[in-house]
PDB file of all heavy atoms in Angstrom:
ATOM      1  N   ASN A   1     -10.381   8.820   7.671  1.00  0.00           N
ATOM      2  CA  ASN A   1     -11.246  10.047   7.843  1.00  0.00           C
ATOM      3  C   ASN A   1     -10.495  11.252   7.263  1.00  0.00           C
ATOM      4  O   ASN A   1     -11.175  12.138   6.704  1.00  0.00           O
ATOM      5  CB  ASN A   1     -11.595  10.300   9.267  1.00  0.00           C
ATOM      6  CG  ASN A   1     -12.598   9.230   9.844  1.00  0.00           C
ATOM      7  OD1 ASN A   1     -13.363   8.664   9.096  1.00  0.00           O
ATOM      8  ND2 ASN A   1     -12.409   8.948  11.151  1.00  0.00           N
ATOM      9  N   ALA A   2      -9.199  11.214   7.283  1.00  0.00           N
ATOM     10  CA  ALA A   2      -8.411  12.359   6.717  1.00  0.00           C
ATOM     11  C   ALA A   2      -8.469  12.105   5.163  1.00  0.00           C
ATOM     12  O   ALA A   2      -8.486  11.022   4.713  1.00  0.00           O
ATOM     13  CB  ALA A   2      -7.025  12.351   7.235  1.00  0.00           C
ATOM     14  N   LYS A   3      -8.382  13.260   4.561  1.00  0.00           N
ATOM     15  CA  LYS A   3      -8.402  13.252   3.038  1.00  0.00           C
ATOM     16  C   LYS A   3      -7.183  12.504   2.500  1.00  0.00           C
ATOM     17  O   LYS A   3      -6.117  12.651   3.020  1.00  0.00           O
ATOM     18  CB  LYS A   3      -8.540  14.671   2.581  1.00  0.00           C
ATOM     19  CG  LYS A   3      -8.649  14.840   1.046  1.00  0.00           C
ATOM     20  CD  LYS A   3      -8.707  16.289   0.774  1.00  0.00           C
ATOM     21  CE  LYS A   3      -8.915  16.481  -0.793  1.00  0.00           C
ATOM     22  NZ  LYS A   3      -8.980  17.960  -1.104  1.00  0.00           N
ATOM     23  N   ASN A   4      -7.440  11.679   1.494  1.00  0.00           N
ATOM     24  CA  ASN A   4      -6.381  10.999   0.757  1.00  0.00           C
ATOM     25  C   ASN A   4      -5.529  10.153   1.647  1.00  0.00           C
ATOM     26  O   ASN A   4      -4.328  10.187   1.616  1.00  0.00           O
ATOM     27  CB  ASN A   4      -5.510  11.964   0.009  1.00  0.00           C
ATOM     28  CG  ASN A   4      -6.245  12.661  -1.066  1.00  0.00           C
ATOM     29  OD1 ASN A   4      -7.307  12.171  -1.583  1.00  0.00           O
ATOM     30  ND2 ASN A   4      -5.757  13.917  -1.553  1.00  0.00           N
ATOM     31  N   THR A   5      -6.207   9.336   2.547  1.00  0.00           N
ATOM     32  CA  THR A   5      -5.481   8.354   3.372  1.00  0.00           C
ATOM     33  C   THR A   5      -6.139   7.036   3.045  1.00  0.00           C
ATOM     34  O   THR A   5      -7.354   6.951   2.749  1.00  0.00           O
ATOM     35  CB  THR A   5      -5.461   8.660   4.775  1.00  0.00           C
ATOM     36  OG1 THR A   5      -6.864   8.775   5.252  1.00  0.00           O
ATOM     37  CG2 THR A   5      -4.885  10.026   5.124  1.00  0.00           C
ATOM     38  N   VAL A   6      -5.313   5.993   3.110  1.00  0.00           N
ATOM     39  CA  VAL A   6      -5.820   4.686   2.874  1.00  0.00           C
ATOM     40  C   VAL A   6      -5.020   3.701   3.745  1.00  0.00           C
ATOM     41  O   VAL A   6      -3.879   3.950   4.050  1.00  0.00           O
ATOM     42  CB  VAL A   6      -5.740   4.245   1.363  1.00  0.00           C
ATOM     43  CG1 VAL A   6      -4.369   4.187   0.901  1.00  0.00           C
ATOM     44  CG2 VAL A   6      -6.504   2.934   1.118  1.00  0.00           C
ATOM     45  N   TYR A   7      -5.677   2.656   4.157  1.00  0.00           N
ATOM     46  CA  TYR A   7      -5.110   1.642   5.013  1.00  0.00           C
ATOM     47  C   TYR A   7      -5.277   0.255   4.440  1.00  0.00           C
ATOM     48  O   TYR A   7      -6.161  -0.004   3.591  1.00  0.00           O
ATOM     49  CB  TYR A   7      -5.737   1.625   6.498  1.00  0.00           C
ATOM     50  CG  TYR A   7      -5.571   2.978   7.131  1.00  0.00           C
ATOM     51  CD1 TYR A   7      -6.479   3.975   6.966  1.00  0.00           C
ATOM     52  CD2 TYR A   7      -4.427   3.168   7.915  1.00  0.00           C
ATOM     53  CE1 TYR A   7      -6.405   5.233   7.550  1.00  0.00           C
ATOM     54  CE2 TYR A   7      -4.290   4.449   8.563  1.00  0.00           C
ATOM     55  CZ  TYR A   7      -5.280   5.399   8.328  1.00  0.00           C
ATOM     56  OH  TYR A   7      -5.127   6.669   8.940  1.00  0.00           O
ATOM     57  N   LEU A   8      -4.434  -0.689   4.789  1.00  0.00           N
ATOM     58  CA  LEU A   8      -4.541  -2.088   4.458  1.00  0.00           C
ATOM     59  C   LEU A   8      -4.322  -2.903   5.639  1.00  0.00           C
ATOM     60  O   LEU A   8      -3.255  -2.972   6.192  1.00  0.00           O
ATOM     61  CB  LEU A   8      -3.512  -2.488   3.329  1.00  0.00           C
ATOM     62  CG  LEU A   8      -3.687  -3.866   2.814  1.00  0.00           C
ATOM     63  CD1 LEU A   8      -4.916  -3.995   1.991  1.00  0.00           C
ATOM     64  CD2 LEU A   8      -2.487  -4.255   1.928  1.00  0.00           C
ATOM     65  N   GLN A   9      -5.365  -3.568   6.152  1.00  0.00           N
ATOM     66  CA  GLN A   9      -5.284  -4.540   7.199  1.00  0.00           C
ATOM     67  C   GLN A   9      -4.994  -5.846   6.645  1.00  0.00           C
ATOM     68  O   GLN A   9      -5.828  -6.313   5.891  1.00  0.00           O
ATOM     69  CB  GLN A   9      -6.601  -4.465   8.041  1.00  0.00           C
ATOM     70  CG  GLN A   9      -6.626  -5.446   9.250  1.00  0.00           C
ATOM     71  CD  GLN A   9      -5.590  -5.114  10.301  1.00  0.00           C
ATOM     72  OE1 GLN A   9      -5.407  -3.944  10.605  1.00  0.00           O
ATOM     73  NE2 GLN A   9      -4.901  -6.046  10.937  1.00  0.00           N
ATOM     74  N   MET A  10      -3.872  -6.444   7.166  1.00  0.00           N
ATOM     75  CA  MET A  10      -3.494  -7.734   6.611  1.00  0.00           C
ATOM     76  C   MET A  10      -3.511  -8.799   7.720  1.00  0.00           C
ATOM     77  O   MET A  10      -2.747  -8.621   8.644  1.00  0.00           O
ATOM     78  CB  MET A  10      -2.184  -7.652   5.908  1.00  0.00           C
ATOM     79  CG  MET A  10      -1.973  -6.516   4.876  1.00  0.00           C
ATOM     80  SD  MET A  10      -0.371  -6.541   4.077  1.00  0.00           S
ATOM     81  CE  MET A  10       0.683  -6.022   5.383  1.00  0.00           C
ATOM     82  N   ASN A  11      -4.368  -9.763   7.582  1.00  0.00           N
ATOM     83  CA  ASN A  11      -4.421 -10.824   8.602  1.00  0.00           C
ATOM     84  C   ASN A  11      -4.014 -12.175   8.001  1.00  0.00           C
ATOM     85  O   ASN A  11      -3.991 -12.265   6.835  1.00  0.00           O
ATOM     86  CB  ASN A  11      -5.874 -10.848   9.204  1.00  0.00           C
ATOM     87  CG  ASN A  11      -6.298  -9.588   9.840  1.00  0.00           C
ATOM     88  OD1 ASN A  11      -5.527  -8.946  10.474  1.00  0.00           O
ATOM     89  ND2 ASN A  11      -7.630  -9.323   9.829  1.00  0.00           N
ATOM     90  N   SER A  12      -3.739 -13.083   8.839  1.00  0.00           N
ATOM     91  CA  SER A  12      -3.398 -14.500   8.407  1.00  0.00           C
ATOM     92  C   SER A  12      -2.309 -14.374   7.345  1.00  0.00           C
ATOM     93  O   SER A  12      -2.374 -15.041   6.301  1.00  0.00           O
ATOM     94  CB  SER A  12      -4.692 -15.162   7.838  1.00  0.00           C
ATOM     95  OG  SER A  12      -5.666 -15.270   8.840  1.00  0.00           O
ATOM     96  N   LEU A  13      -1.317 -13.660   7.627  1.00  0.00           N
ATOM     97  CA  LEU A  13      -0.233 -13.489   6.699  1.00  0.00           C
ATOM     98  C   LEU A  13       0.514 -14.773   6.408  1.00  0.00           C
ATOM     99  O   LEU A  13       0.692 -15.602   7.239  1.00  0.00           O
ATOM    100  CB  LEU A  13       0.790 -12.418   7.188  1.00  0.00           C
ATOM    101  CG  LEU A  13       0.208 -10.940   7.024  1.00  0.00           C
ATOM    102  CD1 LEU A  13       0.959 -10.020   7.873  1.00  0.00           C
ATOM    103  CD2 LEU A  13       0.348 -10.576   5.487  1.00  0.00           C
ATOM    104  N   LYS A  14       0.902 -14.864   5.132  1.00  0.00           N
ATOM    105  CA  LYS A  14       1.650 -16.075   4.593  1.00  0.00           C
ATOM    106  C   LYS A  14       2.995 -15.647   4.100  1.00  0.00           C
ATOM    107  O   LYS A  14       3.169 -14.496   3.663  1.00  0.00           O
ATOM    108  CB  LYS A  14       0.842 -16.777   3.556  1.00  0.00           C
ATOM    109  CG  LYS A  14      -0.595 -17.110   3.847  1.00  0.00           C
ATOM    110  CD  LYS A  14      -1.282 -17.582   2.629  1.00  0.00           C
ATOM    111  CE  LYS A  14      -2.730 -17.956   2.904  1.00  0.00           C
ATOM    112  NZ  LYS A  14      -3.418 -18.530   1.807  1.00  0.00           N
ATOM    113  N   PRO A  15       3.935 -16.624   4.031  1.00  0.00           N
ATOM    114  CA  PRO A  15       5.326 -16.260   3.493  1.00  0.00           C
ATOM    115  C   PRO A  15       5.148 -15.657   1.992  1.00  0.00           C
ATOM    116  O   PRO A  15       6.047 -14.733   1.715  1.00  0.00           O
ATOM    117  CB  PRO A  15       6.074 -17.571   3.498  1.00  0.00           C
ATOM    118  CG  PRO A  15       5.398 -18.257   4.691  1.00  0.00           C
ATOM    119  CD  PRO A  15       3.995 -17.911   4.699  1.00  0.00           C
ATOM    120  N   GLU A  16       4.226 -16.164   1.276  1.00  0.00           N
ATOM    121  CA  GLU A  16       4.060 -15.589  -0.080  1.00  0.00           C
ATOM    122  C   GLU A  16       3.573 -14.226  -0.126  1.00  0.00           C
ATOM    123  O   GLU A  16       3.537 -13.549  -1.170  1.00  0.00           O
ATOM    124  CB  GLU A  16       3.162 -16.505  -0.916  1.00  0.00           C
ATOM    125  CG  GLU A  16       1.863 -16.888  -0.230  1.00  0.00           C
ATOM    126  CD  GLU A  16       1.855 -18.192   0.428  1.00  0.00           C
ATOM    127  OE1 GLU A  16       2.927 -18.481   1.183  1.00  0.00           O
ATOM    128  OE2 GLU A  16       0.898 -19.011   0.306  1.00  0.00           O
ATOM    129  N   ASP A  17       3.176 -13.635   1.007  1.00  0.00           N
ATOM    130  CA  ASP A  17       2.828 -12.248   1.030  1.00  0.00           C
ATOM    131  C   ASP A  17       4.003 -11.350   1.174  1.00  0.00           C
ATOM    132  O   ASP A  17       3.912 -10.055   1.056  1.00  0.00           O
ATOM    133  CB  ASP A  17       1.878 -11.946   2.247  1.00  0.00           C
ATOM    134  CG  ASP A  17       0.538 -12.614   2.096  1.00  0.00           C
ATOM    135  OD1 ASP A  17      -0.064 -12.674   0.960  1.00  0.00           O
ATOM    136  OD2 ASP A  17       0.039 -13.169   3.118  1.00  0.00           O
ATOM    137  N   THR A  18       5.173 -11.892   1.379  1.00  0.00           N
ATOM    138  CA  THR A  18       6.384 -11.134   1.466  1.00  0.00           C
ATOM    139  C   THR A  18       6.689 -10.368   0.211  1.00  0.00           C
ATOM    140  O   THR A  18       6.703 -10.908  -0.886  1.00  0.00           O
ATOM    141  CB  THR A  18       7.639 -12.011   1.726  1.00  0.00           C
ATOM    142  OG1 THR A  18       7.422 -12.582   3.017  1.00  0.00           O
ATOM    143  CG2 THR A  18       8.981 -11.222   1.705  1.00  0.00           C
ATOM    144  N   ALA A  19       6.811  -9.022   0.330  1.00  0.00           N
ATOM    145  CA  ALA A  19       7.047  -8.106  -0.836  1.00  0.00           C
ATOM    146  C   ALA A  19       7.165  -6.676  -0.300  1.00  0.00           C
ATOM    147  O   ALA A  19       6.959  -6.409   0.913  1.00  0.00           O
ATOM    148  CB  ALA A  19       5.746  -8.159  -1.722  1.00  0.00           C
ATOM    149  N   VAL A  20       7.502  -5.843  -1.282  1.00  0.00           N
ATOM    150  CA  VAL A  20       7.447  -4.395  -0.943  1.00  0.00           C
ATOM    151  C   VAL A  20       6.033  -3.947  -1.399  1.00  0.00           C
ATOM    152  O   VAL A  20       5.647  -4.235  -2.528  1.00  0.00           O
ATOM    153  CB  VAL A  20       8.498  -3.653  -1.824  1.00  0.00           C
ATOM    154  CG1 VAL A  20       8.386  -2.111  -1.531  1.00  0.00           C
ATOM    155  CG2 VAL A  20       9.905  -4.086  -1.463  1.00  0.00           C
ATOM    156  N   TYR A  21       5.322  -3.297  -0.502  1.00  0.00           N
ATOM    157  CA  TYR A  21       4.096  -2.818  -0.783  1.00  0.00           C
ATOM    158  C   TYR A  21       4.002  -1.337  -1.061  1.00  0.00           C
ATOM    159  O   TYR A  21       4.577  -0.527  -0.283  1.00  0.00           O
ATOM    160  CB  TYR A  21       3.126  -3.086   0.499  1.00  0.00           C
ATOM    161  CG  TYR A  21       2.748  -4.547   0.646  1.00  0.00           C
ATOM    162  CD1 TYR A  21       3.755  -5.575   0.917  1.00  0.00           C
ATOM    163  CD2 TYR A  21       1.436  -5.021   0.460  1.00  0.00           C
ATOM    164  CE1 TYR A  21       3.413  -6.869   1.053  1.00  0.00           C
ATOM    165  CE2 TYR A  21       1.101  -6.378   0.505  1.00  0.00           C
ATOM    166  CZ  TYR A  21       2.126  -7.274   0.765  1.00  0.00           C
ATOM    167  OH  TYR A  21       1.732  -8.595   0.859  1.00  0.00           O
ATOM    168  N   TYR A  22       3.336  -1.071  -2.140  1.00  0.00           N
ATOM    169  CA  TYR A  22       3.291   0.341  -2.658  1.00  0.00           C
ATOM    170  C   TYR A  22       1.887   0.903  -2.548  1.00  0.00           C
ATOM    171  O   TYR A  22       0.916   0.208  -2.977  1.00  0.00           O
ATOM    172  CB  TYR A  22       3.698   0.399  -4.106  1.00  0.00           C
ATOM    173  CG  TYR A  22       5.173  -0.047  -4.282  1.00  0.00           C
ATOM    174  CD1 TYR A  22       5.538  -1.245  -4.595  1.00  0.00           C
ATOM    175  CD2 TYR A  22       6.179   0.999  -4.277  1.00  0.00           C
ATOM    176  CE1 TYR A  22       6.870  -1.719  -4.787  1.00  0.00           C
ATOM    177  CE2 TYR A  22       7.474   0.618  -4.394  1.00  0.00           C
ATOM    178  CZ  TYR A  22       7.849  -0.665  -4.750  1.00  0.00           C
ATOM    179  OH  TYR A  22       9.110  -1.053  -4.967  1.00  0.00           O
ATOM    180  N   CYS A  23       1.794   2.146  -2.063  1.00  0.00           N
ATOM    181  CA  CYS A  23       0.463   2.829  -2.098  1.00  0.00           C
ATOM    182  C   CYS A  23       0.354   3.558  -3.447  1.00  0.00           C
ATOM    183  O   CYS A  23       1.308   4.128  -4.014  1.00  0.00           O
ATOM    184  CB  CYS A  23       0.476   3.818  -1.010  1.00  0.00           C
ATOM    185  SG  CYS A  23      -1.007   4.825  -0.812  1.00  0.00           S
ATOM    186  N   ASN A  24      -0.949   3.607  -3.974  1.00  0.00           N
ATOM    187  CA  ASN A  24      -1.160   4.270  -5.214  1.00  0.00           C
ATOM    188  C   ASN A  24      -2.360   5.158  -5.033  1.00  0.00           C
ATOM    189  O   ASN A  24      -3.284   4.831  -4.330  1.00  0.00           O
ATOM    190  CB  ASN A  24      -1.472   3.223  -6.283  1.00  0.00           C
ATOM    191  CG  ASN A  24      -1.928   3.897  -7.564  1.00  0.00           C
ATOM    192  OD1 ASN A  24      -3.111   3.883  -7.890  1.00  0.00           O
ATOM    193  ND2 ASN A  24      -0.971   4.434  -8.340  1.00  0.00           N
ATOM    194  N   GLY A  25      -2.289   6.377  -5.626  1.00  0.00           N
ATOM    195  CA  GLY A  25      -3.475   7.280  -5.566  1.00  0.00           C
ATOM    196  C   GLY A  25      -3.648   7.964  -6.954  1.00  0.00           C
ATOM    197  O   GLY A  25      -2.651   8.292  -7.630  1.00  0.00           O
ATOM    198  N   ILE A  26      -4.864   8.144  -7.314  1.00  0.00           N
ATOM    199  CA  ILE A  26      -5.189   8.702  -8.630  1.00  0.00           C
ATOM    200  C   ILE A  26      -6.055   9.977  -8.460  1.00  0.00           C
ATOM    201  O   ILE A  26      -7.155   9.887  -7.828  1.00  0.00           O
ATOM    202  CB  ILE A  26      -5.925   7.717  -9.542  1.00  0.00           C
ATOM    203  CG1 ILE A  26      -5.087   6.433  -9.719  1.00  0.00           C
ATOM    204  CG2 ILE A  26      -6.204   8.339 -10.927  1.00  0.00           C
ATOM    205  CD1 ILE A  26      -5.691   5.243 -10.438  1.00  0.00           C
ATOM    206  N   THR A  27      -5.655  11.086  -9.056  1.00  0.00           N
ATOM    207  CA  THR A  27      -6.461  12.298  -9.119  1.00  0.00           C
ATOM    208  C   THR A  27      -6.827  12.440 -10.598  1.00  0.00           C
ATOM    209  O   THR A  27      -6.270  11.743 -11.514  1.00  0.00           O
ATOM    210  CB  THR A  27      -5.750  13.513  -8.627  1.00  0.00           C
ATOM    211  OG1 THR A  27      -4.691  13.893  -9.570  1.00  0.00           O
ATOM    212  CG2 THR A  27      -5.147  13.289  -7.214  1.00  0.00           C
ATOM    213  N   ARG A  28      -7.518  13.513 -10.915  1.00  0.00           N
ATOM    214  CA  ARG A  28      -7.860  13.859 -12.286  1.00  0.00           C
ATOM    215  C   ARG A  28      -6.622  14.184 -13.123  1.00  0.00           C
ATOM    216  O   ARG A  28      -6.572  14.196 -14.298  1.00  0.00           O
ATOM    217  CB  ARG A  28      -8.886  14.857 -12.381  1.00  0.00           C
ATOM    218  CG  ARG A  28      -8.408  16.208 -11.869  1.00  0.00           C
ATOM    219  CD  ARG A  28      -9.361  17.327 -12.232  1.00  0.00           C
ATOM    220  NE  ARG A  28     -10.638  17.236 -11.511  1.00  0.00           N
ATOM    221  CZ  ARG A  28     -11.622  18.079 -11.641  1.00  0.00           C
ATOM    222  NH1 ARG A  28     -11.462  19.076 -12.517  1.00  0.00           N
ATOM    223  NH2 ARG A  28     -12.770  17.930 -11.042  1.00  0.00           N
ATOM    224  N   TYR A  29      -5.511  14.532 -12.386  1.00  0.00           N
ATOM    225  CA  TYR A  29      -4.311  15.035 -13.037  1.00  0.00           C
ATOM    226  C   TYR A  29      -3.155  14.062 -13.061  1.00  0.00           C
ATOM    227  O   TYR A  29      -2.175  14.345 -13.663  1.00  0.00           O
ATOM    228  CB  TYR A  29      -3.914  16.343 -12.378  1.00  0.00           C
ATOM    229  CG  TYR A  29      -4.936  17.456 -12.590  1.00  0.00           C
ATOM    230  CD1 TYR A  29      -5.580  17.880 -11.603  1.00  0.00           C
ATOM    231  CD2 TYR A  29      -5.113  17.990 -13.831  1.00  0.00           C
ATOM    232  CE1 TYR A  29      -6.617  18.905 -11.765  1.00  0.00           C
ATOM    233  CE2 TYR A  29      -6.061  18.979 -14.026  1.00  0.00           C
ATOM    234  CZ  TYR A  29      -6.791  19.444 -12.987  1.00  0.00           C
ATOM    235  OH  TYR A  29      -7.702  20.404 -13.210  1.00  0.00           O
ATOM    236  N   GLY A  30      -3.261  12.969 -12.311  1.00  0.00           N
ATOM    237  CA  GLY A  30      -2.119  12.034 -12.383  1.00  0.00           C
ATOM    238  C   GLY A  30      -2.326  10.831 -11.524  1.00  0.00           C
ATOM    239  O   GLY A  30      -3.280  10.646 -10.775  1.00  0.00           O
ATOM    240  N   ASN A  31      -1.403   9.974 -11.681  1.00  0.00           N
ATOM    241  CA  ASN A  31      -1.332   8.603 -11.006  1.00  0.00           C
ATOM    242  C   ASN A  31      -0.035   8.605 -10.239  1.00  0.00           C
ATOM    243  O   ASN A  31       1.029   8.756 -10.800  1.00  0.00           O
ATOM    244  CB  ASN A  31      -1.332   7.522 -12.092  1.00  0.00           C
ATOM    245  CG  ASN A  31      -1.360   6.188 -11.488  1.00  0.00           C
ATOM    246  OD1 ASN A  31      -1.509   5.929 -10.311  1.00  0.00           O
ATOM    247  ND2 ASN A  31      -1.472   5.174 -12.414  1.00  0.00           N
ATOM    248  N   TYR A  32      -0.117   8.487  -8.881  1.00  0.00           N
ATOM    249  CA  TYR A  32       0.916   8.701  -7.994  1.00  0.00           C
ATOM    250  C   TYR A  32       1.263   7.458  -7.196  1.00  0.00           C
ATOM    251  O   TYR A  32       0.356   6.647  -6.805  1.00  0.00           O
ATOM    252  CB  TYR A  32       0.694   9.896  -7.058  1.00  0.00           C
ATOM    253  CG  TYR A  32       0.295  11.122  -7.791  1.00  0.00           C
ATOM    254  CD1 TYR A  32      -0.988  11.518  -8.089  1.00  0.00           C
ATOM    255  CD2 TYR A  32       1.324  11.959  -8.267  1.00  0.00           C
ATOM    256  CE1 TYR A  32      -1.293  12.631  -8.772  1.00  0.00           C
ATOM    257  CE2 TYR A  32       1.077  13.129  -9.053  1.00  0.00           C
ATOM    258  CZ  TYR A  32      -0.295  13.446  -9.230  1.00  0.00           C
ATOM    259  OH  TYR A  32      -0.585  14.617  -9.951  1.00  0.00           O
ATOM    260  N   TRP A  33       2.598   7.292  -6.817  1.00  0.00           N
ATOM    261  CA  TRP A  33       3.029   6.170  -6.131  1.00  0.00           C
ATOM    262  C   TRP A  33       3.924   6.530  -4.909  1.00  0.00           C
ATOM    263  O   TRP A  33       4.581   7.517  -4.999  1.00  0.00           O
ATOM    264  CB  TRP A  33       3.899   5.210  -7.037  1.00  0.00           C
ATOM    265  CG  TRP A  33       3.204   4.594  -8.138  1.00  0.00           C
ATOM    266  CD1 TRP A  33       2.901   5.143  -9.379  1.00  0.00           C
ATOM    267  CD2 TRP A  33       2.579   3.330  -8.197  1.00  0.00           C
ATOM    268  NE1 TRP A  33       2.182   4.339 -10.110  1.00  0.00           N
ATOM    269  CE2 TRP A  33       1.895   3.182  -9.357  1.00  0.00           C
ATOM    270  CE3 TRP A  33       2.335   2.344  -7.155  1.00  0.00           C
ATOM    271  CZ2 TRP A  33       1.158   2.047  -9.785  1.00  0.00           C
ATOM    272  CZ3 TRP A  33       1.595   1.238  -7.459  1.00  0.00           C
ATOM    273  CH2 TRP A  33       0.988   1.066  -8.777  1.00  0.00           C
ATOM    274  N   GLY A  34       3.753   5.736  -3.828  1.00  0.00           N
ATOM    275  CA  GLY A  34       4.748   5.897  -2.763  1.00  0.00           C
ATOM    276  C   GLY A  34       6.003   5.127  -3.003  1.00  0.00           C
ATOM    277  O   GLY A  34       6.202   4.508  -4.036  1.00  0.00           O
ATOM    278  N   GLN A  35       6.881   5.289  -2.054  1.00  0.00           N
ATOM    279  CA  GLN A  35       8.237   4.644  -2.172  1.00  0.00           C
ATOM    280  C   GLN A  35       8.203   3.227  -1.761  1.00  0.00           C
ATOM    281  O   GLN A  35       9.185   2.490  -2.090  1.00  0.00           O
ATOM    282  CB  GLN A  35       9.209   5.395  -1.331  1.00  0.00           C
ATOM    283  CG  GLN A  35       9.509   6.869  -1.766  1.00  0.00           C
ATOM    284  CD  GLN A  35      10.141   6.825  -3.156  1.00  0.00           C
ATOM    285  OE1 GLN A  35      11.105   6.199  -3.380  1.00  0.00           O
ATOM    286  NE2 GLN A  35       9.530   7.574  -4.051  1.00  0.00           N
ATOM    287  N   GLY A  36       7.164   2.755  -1.138  1.00  0.00           N
ATOM    288  CA  GLY A  36       7.056   1.428  -0.748  1.00  0.00           C
ATOM    289  C   GLY A  36       7.492   1.151   0.760  1.00  0.00           C
ATOM    290  O   GLY A  36       8.317   1.837   1.256  1.00  0.00           O
ATOM    291  N   THR A  37       6.947   0.027   1.280  1.00  0.00           N
ATOM    292  CA  THR A  37       7.322  -0.341   2.577  1.00  0.00           C
ATOM    293  C   THR A  37       7.376  -1.905   2.521  1.00  0.00           C
ATOM    294  O   THR A  37       6.549  -2.639   1.951  1.00  0.00           O
ATOM    295  CB  THR A  37       6.221   0.097   3.638  1.00  0.00           C
ATOM    296  OG1 THR A  37       6.673  -0.331   4.992  1.00  0.00           O
ATOM    297  CG2 THR A  37       4.802  -0.547   3.372  1.00  0.00           C
ATOM    298  N   GLN A  38       8.423  -2.430   3.215  1.00  0.00           N
ATOM    299  CA  GLN A  38       8.777  -3.855   3.143  1.00  0.00           C
ATOM    300  C   GLN A  38       7.846  -4.672   4.146  1.00  0.00           C
ATOM    301  O   GLN A  38       7.793  -4.259   5.289  1.00  0.00           O
ATOM    302  CB  GLN A  38      10.204  -4.103   3.452  1.00  0.00           C
ATOM    303  CG  GLN A  38      10.614  -5.571   3.523  1.00  0.00           C
ATOM    304  CD  GLN A  38      10.620  -6.217   2.094  1.00  0.00           C
ATOM    305  OE1 GLN A  38      11.087  -5.626   1.163  1.00  0.00           O
ATOM    306  NE2 GLN A  38      10.048  -7.416   2.008  1.00  0.00           N
ATOM    307  N   VAL A  39       7.261  -5.710   3.657  1.00  0.00           N
ATOM    308  CA  VAL A  39       6.592  -6.615   4.509  1.00  0.00           C
ATOM    309  C   VAL A  39       7.297  -8.019   4.322  1.00  0.00           C
ATOM    310  O   VAL A  39       7.365  -8.458   3.200  1.00  0.00           O
ATOM    311  CB  VAL A  39       5.081  -6.734   4.104  1.00  0.00           C
ATOM    312  CG1 VAL A  39       4.484  -7.840   4.898  1.00  0.00           C
ATOM    313  CG2 VAL A  39       4.354  -5.425   4.397  1.00  0.00           C
ATOM    314  N   THR A  40       7.723  -8.589   5.470  1.00  0.00           N
ATOM    315  CA  THR A  40       8.366  -9.896   5.381  1.00  0.00           C
ATOM    316  C   THR A  40       7.664 -10.801   6.318  1.00  0.00           C
ATOM    317  O   THR A  40       7.506 -10.468   7.468  1.00  0.00           O
ATOM    318  CB  THR A  40       9.757  -9.766   5.753  1.00  0.00           C
ATOM    319  OG1 THR A  40      10.485  -8.834   4.904  1.00  0.00           O
ATOM    320  CG2 THR A  40      10.504 -11.069   5.686  1.00  0.00           C
ATOM    321  N   VAL A  41       7.213 -11.937   5.814  1.00  0.00           N
ATOM    322  CA  VAL A  41       6.497 -12.923   6.663  1.00  0.00           C
ATOM    323  C   VAL A  41       7.387 -14.207   6.729  1.00  0.00           C
ATOM    324  O   VAL A  41       7.747 -14.756   5.767  1.00  0.00           O
ATOM    325  CB  VAL A  41       5.222 -13.281   6.070  1.00  0.00           C
ATOM    326  CG1 VAL A  41       4.442 -14.269   6.940  1.00  0.00           C
ATOM    327  CG2 VAL A  41       4.325 -12.054   5.707  1.00  0.00           C
TER     328      VAL A  41
END
């Protein structure tokens, strides 16, 4: 509901889902990335 927020609900996780997950957002002026969060299955 808050502006410029996004979520990812991950169910039935598998070992192959292990990775660093990065958020991305695009405005008319640029393409932006977060620092990443580690997910380990």
